[in-house]
Amino acid sequence: MENDLLAIIDTFKQCQEIEITDENSDTGKGLFYMEKQLEDFIIHNWEETELGKRYNLIFEEGELKSQQYRTDSGN
């Protein structure tokens, strides 16, 4: 699983170097899809990660609150 996650992260990093001028383009949609998939994978496997061994996810009233951190400029 760790090797799979590292491969996904490497692919994601390479994609981050692509300048997206139109979020609705096929490339833009694909990158946002990949980011969502990576995020879901990390959350689903949180307890198996090094961070998950030290930190718990935050739930309030049964709702996951710590998946993304909201800032003034967005998530």
N, C-alpha and C. Protein backbone atom coordinates (compact mmCIF):
# COMPACT_ATOMS: atom_id res chain seq x y z
N MET A 1 0.82 -1.17 0.00
CA MET A 1 0.00 0.00 0.00
C MET A 1 0.88 1.25 0.00
N GLU A 2 1.96 1.24 0.75
CA GLU A 2 2.82 2.41 0.81
C GLU A 2 3.39 2.75 -0.57
N ASN A 3 3.82 1.72 -1.30
CA ASN A 3 4.36 1.96 -2.65
C ASN A 3 3.30 2.53 -3.57
N ASP A 4 2.06 2.04 -3.45
CA ASP A 4 0.97 2.57 -4.27
C ASP A 4 0.72 4.04 -3.95
N LEU A 5 0.71 4.37 -2.67
CA LEU A 5 0.49 5.75 -2.26
C LEU A 5 1.61 6.65 -2.76
N LEU A 6 2.85 6.19 -2.66
CA LEU A 6 3.98 6.98 -3.14
C LEU A 6 3.89 7.20 -4.65
N ALA A 7 3.46 6.18 -5.39
CA ALA A 7 3.29 6.33 -6.84
C ALA A 7 2.20 7.34 -7.16
N ILE A 8 1.12 7.30 -6.42
CA ILE A 8 0.04 8.27 -6.62
C ILE A 8 0.53 9.68 -6.32
N ILE A 9 1.27 9.84 -5.25
CA ILE A 9 1.79 11.15 -4.88
C ILE A 9 2.75 11.67 -5.94
N ASP A 10 3.63 10.80 -6.46
CA ASP A 10 4.58 11.22 -7.50
C ASP A 10 3.84 11.67 -8.75
N THR A 11 2.82 10.92 -9.15
CA THR A 11 2.02 11.30 -10.31
C THR A 11 1.33 12.63 -10.07
N PHE A 12 0.78 12.79 -8.87
CA PHE A 12 0.10 14.03 -8.52
C PHE A 12 1.07 15.21 -8.57
N LYS A 13 2.28 15.03 -8.06
CA LYS A 13 3.27 16.10 -8.08
C LYS A 13 3.60 16.51 -9.52
N GLN A 14 3.74 15.53 -10.39
CA GLN A 14 4.02 15.83 -11.79
C GLN A 14 2.87 16.62 -12.41
N CYS A 15 1.67 16.27 -12.06
CA CYS A 15 0.50 16.97 -12.60
C CYS A 15 0.41 18.39 -12.07
N GLN A 16 0.92 18.63 -10.89
CA GLN A 16 0.85 19.96 -10.31
C GLN A 16 1.69 20.96 -11.10
N GLU A 17 2.65 20.46 -11.87
CA GLU A 17 3.50 21.34 -12.67
C GLU A 17 2.79 21.80 -13.94
N ILE A 18 1.63 21.23 -14.24
CA ILE A 18 0.87 21.61 -15.42
C ILE A 18 0.04 22.84 -15.06
N GLU A 19 0.14 23.88 -15.88
CA GLU A 19 -0.64 25.09 -15.63
C GLU A 19 -2.06 24.89 -16.17
N ILE A 20 -3.03 25.02 -15.30
CA ILE A 20 -4.43 24.86 -15.69
C ILE A 20 -5.02 26.24 -15.92
N THR A 21 -5.39 26.52 -17.16
CA THR A 21 -6.01 27.81 -17.47
C THR A 21 -7.52 27.69 -17.51
N ASP A 22 -8.03 26.48 -17.63
CA ASP A 22 -9.47 26.27 -17.68
C ASP A 22 -9.81 25.04 -16.83
N GLU A 23 -10.42 25.28 -15.65
CA GLU A 23 -10.74 24.16 -14.75
C GLU A 23 -11.74 23.20 -15.37
N ASN A 24 -12.46 23.61 -16.37
CA ASN A 24 -13.45 22.74 -17.01
C ASN A 24 -12.87 21.96 -18.18
N SER A 25 -11.57 22.17 -18.48
CA SER A 25 -10.93 21.40 -19.54
C SER A 25 -10.77 19.95 -19.08
N ASP A 26 -10.52 19.06 -20.02
CA ASP A 26 -10.32 17.65 -19.66
C ASP A 26 -9.15 17.50 -18.69
N THR A 27 -8.07 18.26 -18.91
CA THR A 27 -6.91 18.19 -18.01
C THR A 27 -7.27 18.72 -16.64
N GLY A 28 -7.97 19.85 -16.59
CA GLY A 28 -8.38 20.42 -15.31
C GLY A 28 -9.28 19.47 -14.54
N LYS A 29 -10.27 18.92 -15.21
CA LYS A 29 -11.18 17.97 -14.55
C LYS A 29 -10.42 16.75 -14.07
N GLY A 30 -9.48 16.27 -14.87
CA GLY A 30 -8.70 15.08 -14.50
C GLY A 30 -7.86 15.31 -13.27
N LEU A 31 -7.22 16.49 -13.18
CA LEU A 31 -6.38 16.78 -12.03
C LEU A 31 -7.20 16.92 -10.76
N PHE A 32 -8.34 17.59 -10.85
CA PHE A 32 -9.18 17.72 -9.67
C PHE A 32 -9.75 16.36 -9.25
N TYR A 33 -10.04 15.50 -10.21
CA TYR A 33 -10.50 14.15 -9.91
C TYR A 33 -9.40 13.38 -9.19
N MET A 34 -8.15 13.49 -9.69
CA MET A 34 -7.03 12.80 -9.04
C MET A 34 -6.83 13.29 -7.62
N GLU A 35 -6.92 14.60 -7.42
CA GLU A 35 -6.75 15.15 -6.07
C GLU A 35 -7.81 14.60 -5.13
N LYS A 36 -9.05 14.55 -5.59
CA LYS A 36 -10.15 14.02 -4.78
C LYS A 36 -9.91 12.54 -4.46
N GLN A 37 -9.46 11.77 -5.44
CA GLN A 37 -9.20 10.35 -5.22
C GLN A 37 -8.07 10.16 -4.21
N LEU A 38 -7.02 10.96 -4.32
CA LEU A 38 -5.90 10.88 -3.37
C LEU A 38 -6.37 11.23 -1.97
N GLU A 39 -7.14 12.29 -1.86
CA GLU A 39 -7.67 12.70 -0.56
C GLU A 39 -8.54 11.59 0.05
N ASP A 40 -9.43 11.02 -0.74
CA ASP A 40 -10.29 9.94 -0.25
C ASP A 40 -9.47 8.72 0.18
N PHE A 41 -8.43 8.40 -0.60
CA PHE A 41 -7.57 7.26 -0.28
C PHE A 41 -6.86 7.48 1.05
N ILE A 42 -6.33 8.67 1.25
CA ILE A 42 -5.62 8.96 2.50
C ILE A 42 -6.57 8.88 3.69
N ILE A 43 -7.75 9.47 3.57
CA ILE A 43 -8.71 9.43 4.67
C ILE A 43 -9.15 7.99 4.95
N HIS A 44 -9.42 7.24 3.90
CA HIS A 44 -9.87 5.85 4.07
C HIS A 44 -8.80 5.00 4.76
N ASN A 45 -7.53 5.29 4.49
CA ASN A 45 -6.42 4.50 5.03
C ASN A 45 -5.65 5.25 6.11
N TRP A 46 -6.28 6.26 6.72
CA TRP A 46 -5.62 7.14 7.67
C TRP A 46 -4.87 6.39 8.77
N GLU A 47 -5.50 5.40 9.34
CA GLU A 47 -4.88 4.69 10.48
C GLU A 47 -3.63 3.92 10.08
N GLU A 48 -3.44 3.69 8.78
CA GLU A 48 -2.27 2.95 8.30
C GLU A 48 -1.10 3.89 7.99
N THR A 49 -1.33 5.21 8.01
CA THR A 49 -0.27 6.16 7.69
C THR A 49 0.51 6.51 8.96
N GLU A 50 1.69 7.08 8.76
CA GLU A 50 2.50 7.51 9.90
C GLU A 50 1.77 8.60 10.69
N LEU A 51 1.14 9.54 10.00
CA LEU A 51 0.39 10.58 10.70
C LEU A 51 -0.80 9.97 11.44
N GLY A 52 -1.44 9.00 10.84
CA GLY A 52 -2.60 8.35 11.46
C GLY A 52 -2.25 7.57 12.71
N LYS A 53 -0.99 7.16 12.81
CA LYS A 53 -0.54 6.45 14.01
C LYS A 53 -0.33 7.41 15.18
N ARG A 54 -0.20 8.71 14.86
CA ARG A 54 0.03 9.71 15.91
C ARG A 54 -1.15 10.63 16.15
N TYR A 55 -1.98 10.82 15.10
CA TYR A 55 -3.08 11.78 15.20
C TYR A 55 -4.40 11.15 14.79
N ASN A 56 -5.45 11.56 15.44
CA ASN A 56 -6.80 11.09 15.11
C ASN A 56 -7.49 12.09 14.19
N LEU A 57 -8.38 11.59 13.37
CA LEU A 57 -9.24 12.47 12.59
C LEU A 57 -10.28 13.06 13.55
N ILE A 58 -10.77 14.24 13.24
CA ILE A 58 -11.72 14.92 14.10
C ILE A 58 -13.14 14.74 13.56
N PHE A 59 -14.00 14.20 14.39
CA PHE A 59 -15.41 14.02 14.05
C PHE A 59 -16.24 14.83 15.03
N GLU A 60 -17.26 15.50 14.52
CA GLU A 60 -18.22 16.21 15.38
C GLU A 60 -19.62 15.79 14.95
N GLU A 61 -20.36 15.26 15.89
CA GLU A 61 -21.71 14.77 15.64
C GLU A 61 -21.74 13.79 14.46
N GLY A 62 -20.72 12.93 14.42
CA GLY A 62 -20.64 11.91 13.39
C GLY A 62 -20.13 12.38 12.04
N GLU A 63 -19.80 13.68 11.92
CA GLU A 63 -19.33 14.23 10.65
C GLU A 63 -17.84 14.50 10.72
N LEU A 64 -17.12 14.04 9.69
CA LEU A 64 -15.68 14.25 9.63
C LEU A 64 -15.39 15.73 9.40
N LYS A 65 -14.63 16.33 10.31
CA LYS A 65 -14.31 17.76 10.23
C LYS A 65 -12.87 18.02 9.82
N SER A 66 -12.00 17.04 9.93
CA SER A 66 -10.57 17.29 9.71
C SER A 66 -10.06 16.82 8.36
N GLN A 67 -10.96 16.56 7.41
CA GLN A 67 -10.49 16.12 6.09
C GLN A 67 -9.81 17.28 5.36
N GLN A 68 -10.38 18.44 5.42
CA GLN A 68 -9.77 19.63 4.84
C GLN A 68 -9.83 20.74 5.87
N TYR A 69 -8.82 21.59 5.84
CA TYR A 69 -8.77 22.70 6.77
C TYR A 69 -9.15 23.98 6.03
N ARG A 70 -10.18 24.64 6.48
CA ARG A 70 -10.66 25.86 5.82
C ARG A 70 -9.82 27.06 6.26
N THR A 71 -9.35 27.81 5.27
CA THR A 71 -8.61 29.05 5.52
C THR A 71 -9.35 30.20 4.82
N ASP A 72 -8.83 31.41 4.96
CA ASP A 72 -9.44 32.56 4.30
C ASP A 72 -9.44 32.43 2.77
N SER A 73 -8.46 31.69 2.24
CA SER A 73 -8.37 31.54 0.78
C SER A 73 -9.02 30.26 0.28
N GLY A 74 -9.63 29.49 1.16
CA GLY A 74 -10.33 28.26 0.76
C GLY A 74 -9.82 27.05 1.51
N ASN A 75 -10.26 25.87 1.07
CA ASN A 75 -9.82 24.62 1.72
C ASN A 75 -8.39 24.29 1.38
